[in-house]
Amino acid sequence: MTTPSQQPSKKPETDPFGPKIEEQAQQLAARYPQARSALLPMLHLVQSVQGYVSQEGIAFCARQLDLTEAEVSAVATFYTMYKRKPCGEHLVSVCTNTLCAALGGDEIYKRLSEHLGEDGKPLGHEETVGEPGEPGSITLEHAECLAACDFGPVLQVNYEYFDNQTPEKAVELVDALRRGEKPQPTRGAPLTDFRSVERQLAGFFPEDDVFRSDVDSPSQAVETLRGAQLAADRGWTAPAMPDDAPLPEVEAK
């Protein structure tokens, strides 16, 4: 007997995902030997349309990939990159993991939370100031790690890096975003908006040389290479592996 969670998802009468999005979803599915492997980029495609993963978006992915809604929901709720509430034009992620926190990340998050809050109430994690999706709206979140310890404390706007932050610089940044400005990130491509970036994460990129040159440009800096430079200056080298080094035995399966 088929349970409700195993029944195929039906297309609702009012569907925000039109023929163009369906075609792109099928393009994603065709990139993989097994269509279900396209679920992660397809969830990003859903967010590029609505600014979050709605129940309609979950049903859409289930239909496209012949999955149950429960299977799609299990993935969408596991990863923090998939939002369950509508996001602002900009997603501001403040790293509050150990090193960034020690360098001031906690203070940056606290200052932004208070600065963006309204009526004396600080803006909470994954809460939005302004109308979600509208120009100047901002969703604030604390991130466990943004993998940029050499530039800490850091924050991201729509996953683009703003390095070596202070509470004052962070406040200036979000104020510029609310005015409709798009400050240049420290590294990477020029700033756009959350939905445009979600489309790129789904695998659909602007076809122009300027975009590709911005994305492909070097991202290392003096801080990134400091350890390697110190080793070179002091003549430190790793021991070479002998040609006859024994390999660990692998248990037969």
Protein backbone atom coordinates (compact mmCIF):
# COMPACT_ATOMS: atom_id res chain seq x y z
CA MET A 1 0.00 0.00 0.00
CA THR A 2 1.38 3.43 -0.94
CA THR A 3 1.69 5.88 1.93
CA PRO A 4 1.04 9.62 1.41
CA SER A 5 4.78 10.45 1.64
CA GLN A 6 5.53 7.95 -1.14
CA GLN A 7 2.92 9.20 -3.58
CA PRO A 8 4.21 11.17 -6.58
CA SER A 9 4.03 14.93 -6.23
CA LYS A 10 1.30 16.61 -8.28
CA LYS A 11 1.76 19.93 -10.02
CA PRO A 12 -0.26 22.63 -8.22
CA GLU A 13 -2.73 24.76 -10.14
CA THR A 14 -0.69 27.88 -9.39
CA ASP A 15 2.95 27.01 -10.05
CA PRO A 16 5.73 29.65 -9.80
CA PHE A 17 8.03 27.45 -11.87
CA GLY A 18 7.18 27.99 -15.53
CA PRO A 19 8.27 26.13 -18.67
CA LYS A 20 11.68 27.87 -18.79
CA ILE A 21 12.55 26.76 -15.26
CA GLU A 22 11.29 23.24 -15.99
CA GLU A 23 13.55 23.12 -19.05
CA GLN A 24 16.54 24.24 -16.99
CA ALA A 25 15.71 21.67 -14.31
CA GLN A 26 15.77 18.94 -16.95
CA GLN A 27 19.10 20.26 -18.22
CA LEU A 28 20.46 19.82 -14.70
CA ALA A 29 19.09 16.29 -14.43
CA ALA A 30 20.65 15.36 -17.78
CA ARG A 31 24.13 16.24 -16.49
CA TYR A 32 24.22 13.24 -14.17
CA PRO A 33 24.17 9.47 -14.72
CA GLN A 34 21.38 9.32 -12.14
CA ALA A 35 18.92 12.21 -12.29
CA ARG A 36 18.49 12.36 -8.51
CA SER A 37 22.10 13.54 -8.24
CA ALA A 38 20.92 16.90 -9.61
CA LEU A 39 18.96 17.65 -6.44
CA LEU A 40 21.51 20.03 -4.87
CA PRO A 41 21.85 22.35 -7.90
CA MET A 42 18.11 22.09 -8.52
CA LEU A 43 17.42 23.41 -5.02
CA HIS A 44 19.64 26.37 -5.85
CA LEU A 45 17.60 26.85 -9.03
CA VAL A 46 14.45 26.93 -6.88
CA GLN A 47 16.02 29.59 -4.65
CA SER A 48 16.91 31.67 -7.71
CA VAL A 49 13.18 31.86 -8.50
CA GLN A 50 11.65 32.43 -5.07
CA GLY A 51 14.57 33.47 -2.87
CA TYR A 52 14.12 30.41 -0.65
CA VAL A 53 13.07 26.75 -0.79
CA SER A 54 9.31 26.77 -0.41
CA GLN A 55 7.04 23.76 -0.15
CA GLU A 56 6.18 24.43 -3.79
CA GLY A 57 9.90 24.28 -4.60
CA ILE A 58 10.24 20.96 -2.80
CA ALA A 59 7.30 19.58 -4.78
CA PHE A 60 8.85 20.90 -8.01
CA CYS A 61 12.16 19.09 -7.36
CA ALA A 62 10.31 15.92 -6.43
CA ARG A 63 8.39 15.95 -9.73
CA GLN A 64 11.47 16.63 -11.82
CA LEU A 65 13.59 13.92 -10.21
CA ASP A 66 10.97 11.28 -9.45
CA LEU A 67 11.55 11.61 -5.71
CA THR A 68 9.14 11.91 -2.83
CA GLU A 69 8.70 15.26 -1.16
CA ALA A 70 10.01 13.68 2.04
CA GLU A 71 13.28 12.79 0.28
CA VAL A 72 13.69 16.32 -1.04
CA SER A 73 12.80 17.86 2.34
CA ALA A 74 15.40 15.69 4.06
CA VAL A 75 18.12 17.26 1.90
CA ALA A 76 16.76 20.82 1.95
CA THR A 77 16.59 20.86 5.75
CA PHE A 78 20.05 19.29 6.21
CA TYR A 79 22.09 22.01 4.50
CA THR A 80 22.11 25.56 5.88
CA MET A 81 22.63 26.99 2.38
CA TYR A 82 19.00 26.20 1.59
CA LYS A 83 16.79 28.79 3.25
CA ARG A 84 13.29 27.97 4.48
CA LYS A 85 12.21 31.60 4.74
CA PRO A 86 12.36 34.23 1.97
CA CYS A 87 15.74 35.96 1.83
CA GLY A 88 16.46 39.61 1.28
CA GLU A 89 18.13 41.02 -1.80
CA HIS A 90 21.38 40.39 0.04
CA LEU A 91 22.40 37.58 2.38
CA VAL A 92 25.00 38.81 4.88
CA SER A 93 26.89 35.94 6.53
CA VAL A 94 29.19 36.74 9.46
CA CYS A 95 31.78 34.14 10.41
CA THR A 96 31.54 33.39 14.13
CA ASN A 97 33.72 30.30 14.22
CA THR A 98 36.66 30.10 16.62
CA LEU A 99 39.36 32.21 14.96
CA CYS A 100 37.07 34.85 13.49
CA ALA A 101 35.18 35.03 16.79
CA ALA A 102 38.42 35.61 18.68
CA LEU A 103 39.42 38.31 16.20
CA GLY A 104 36.10 40.13 16.51
CA GLY A 105 33.52 38.15 14.55
CA ASP A 106 31.15 37.91 17.50
CA GLU A 107 31.29 41.66 18.00
CA ILE A 108 30.66 42.26 14.29
CA TYR A 109 27.59 40.02 14.34
CA LYS A 110 26.29 41.67 17.52
CA ARG A 111 26.79 45.17 16.09
CA LEU A 112 25.04 44.29 12.80
CA SER A 113 22.20 42.59 14.65
CA GLU A 114 21.60 45.71 16.73
CA HIS A 115 22.15 48.10 13.83
CA LEU A 116 19.73 46.31 11.51
CA GLY A 117 17.11 45.65 14.18
CA GLU A 118 13.95 47.68 14.50
CA ASP A 119 11.97 49.04 17.44
CA GLY A 120 14.80 48.24 19.83
CA LYS A 121 14.82 44.54 18.90
CA PRO A 122 18.04 43.11 17.40
CA LEU A 123 17.74 41.34 14.06
CA GLY A 124 17.98 37.59 14.68
CA HIS A 125 19.73 34.80 12.82
CA GLU A 126 18.23 34.34 9.32
CA GLU A 127 15.86 37.25 9.88
CA THR A 128 15.35 39.95 7.27
CA VAL A 129 15.15 43.72 7.47
CA GLY A 130 13.05 45.19 4.68
CA GLU A 131 10.67 43.31 2.40
CA PRO A 132 12.33 40.01 1.34
CA GLY A 133 13.58 40.20 -2.23
CA GLU A 134 13.02 43.94 -2.52
CA PRO A 135 15.95 46.34 -3.18
CA GLY A 136 17.94 47.09 -0.05
CA SER A 137 16.53 44.20 2.00
CA ILE A 138 19.08 42.21 4.02
CA THR A 139 18.98 38.79 5.64
CA LEU A 140 21.55 38.38 8.43
CA GLU A 141 23.04 35.07 9.52
CA HIS A 142 25.99 33.86 11.54
CA ALA A 143 28.11 31.26 9.75
CA GLU A 144 30.15 28.58 11.48
CA CYS A 145 33.11 28.88 9.09
CA LEU A 146 33.71 30.74 5.85
CA ALA A 147 37.10 29.08 5.16
CA ALA A 148 39.06 32.33 5.13
CA CYS A 149 41.00 32.25 8.40
CA ASP A 150 43.92 34.09 6.77
CA PHE A 151 41.68 37.14 6.31
CA GLY A 152 39.68 36.98 9.54
CA PRO A 153 37.42 38.32 10.70
CA VAL A 154 35.43 37.96 7.48
CA LEU A 155 31.87 38.19 6.30
CA GLN A 156 30.21 37.40 3.00
CA VAL A 157 27.51 39.15 1.01
CA ASN A 158 25.77 36.67 -1.28
CA TYR A 159 28.81 34.40 -0.76
CA GLU A 160 31.34 37.03 -1.91
CA TYR A 161 34.12 37.83 0.57
CA PHE A 162 34.67 41.02 2.52
CA ASP A 163 37.91 40.44 4.44
CA ASN A 164 39.56 41.93 7.52
CA GLN A 165 36.35 43.39 8.84
CA THR A 166 35.66 45.56 11.87
CA PRO A 167 32.27 46.42 13.37
CA GLU A 168 32.53 49.91 11.86
CA LYS A 169 33.40 48.64 8.36
CA ALA A 170 30.61 46.07 8.53
CA VAL A 171 28.04 48.73 9.45
CA GLU A 172 29.23 50.92 6.56
CA LEU A 173 28.87 47.92 4.23
CA VAL A 174 25.28 47.07 5.17
CA ASP A 175 24.30 50.75 5.05
CA ALA A 176 25.62 50.90 1.48
CA LEU A 177 23.66 47.78 0.58
CA ARG A 178 20.48 49.30 2.00
CA ARG A 179 21.04 52.41 -0.13
CA GLY A 180 21.11 50.23 -3.22
CA GLU A 181 24.87 50.32 -3.66
CA LYS A 182 26.95 47.22 -4.44
CA PRO A 183 30.43 47.63 -2.92
CA GLN A 184 33.22 45.68 -4.57
CA PRO A 185 34.08 42.50 -2.64
CA THR A 186 37.65 42.04 -1.47
CA ARG A 187 38.01 39.08 -3.83
CA GLY A 188 36.00 37.46 -6.58
CA ALA A 189 33.22 38.64 -8.85
CA PRO A 190 31.38 41.96 -8.55
CA LEU A 191 28.45 41.95 -6.15
CA THR A 192 25.02 41.11 -7.57
CA ASP A 193 22.05 39.85 -5.54
CA PHE A 194 21.11 36.65 -3.74
CA ARG A 195 18.85 35.23 -6.45
CA SER A 196 21.38 35.86 -9.22
CA VAL A 197 24.08 34.07 -7.23
CA GLU A 198 21.71 31.16 -6.58
CA ARG A 199 21.27 30.80 -10.33
CA GLN A 200 25.04 30.60 -10.71
CA LEU A 201 25.25 27.99 -7.93
CA ALA A 202 22.66 26.00 -9.88
CA GLY A 203 25.10 25.96 -12.80
CA PHE A 204 23.87 28.74 -15.07
CA PHE A 205 26.45 31.49 -15.59
CA PRO A 206 26.56 34.79 -17.49
CA GLU A 207 28.22 34.14 -20.84
CA ASP A 208 30.64 37.04 -20.95
CA ASP A 209 34.40 37.30 -20.66
CA VAL A 210 34.30 39.99 -17.95
CA PHE A 211 32.38 37.71 -15.56
CA ARG A 212 34.75 34.79 -16.16
CA SER A 213 37.87 36.90 -15.73
CA ASP A 214 36.55 38.24 -12.42
CA VAL A 215 35.73 34.75 -11.12
CA ASP A 216 38.98 33.20 -12.35
CA SER A 217 41.22 35.93 -10.95
CA PRO A 218 43.72 34.96 -8.21
CA SER A 219 42.37 34.98 -4.66
CA GLN A 220 45.54 34.46 -2.67
CA ALA A 221 47.19 37.31 -0.81
CA VAL A 222 50.24 37.90 1.37
CA GLU A 223 48.37 36.40 4.34
CA THR A 224 47.49 33.27 2.38
CA LEU A 225 51.10 32.58 1.37
CA ARG A 226 52.79 33.70 4.59
CA GLY A 227 53.57 30.15 5.78
CA ALA A 228 55.00 29.11 2.42
CA GLN A 229 57.08 32.31 2.21
CA LEU A 230 58.41 31.82 5.75
CA ALA A 231 59.46 28.26 4.88
CA ALA A 232 61.21 29.46 1.71
CA ASP A 233 63.01 32.28 3.56
CA ARG A 234 64.29 29.88 6.24
CA GLY A 235 65.07 26.99 3.94
CA TRP A 236 62.51 24.67 5.49
CA THR A 237 61.57 21.65 3.40
CA ALA A 238 59.51 18.56 4.03
CA PRO A 239 61.39 15.24 4.12
CA ALA A 240 61.33 13.47 0.78
CA MET A 241 59.51 10.15 0.65
CA PRO A 242 61.89 7.22 0.00
CA ASP A 243 61.37 5.37 -3.26
CA ASP A 244 60.97 2.12 -1.33
CA ALA A 245 58.56 3.42 1.32
CA PRO A 246 56.15 0.63 2.32
CA LEU A 247 52.52 1.26 1.59
CA PRO A 248 49.89 0.46 4.21
CA GLU A 249 48.14 -2.81 3.71
CA VAL A 250 44.58 -2.63 2.47
CA GLU A 251 42.16 -5.11 3.89
CA ALA A 252 40.63 -7.22 1.15
CA LYS A 253 36.87 -6.86 0.71
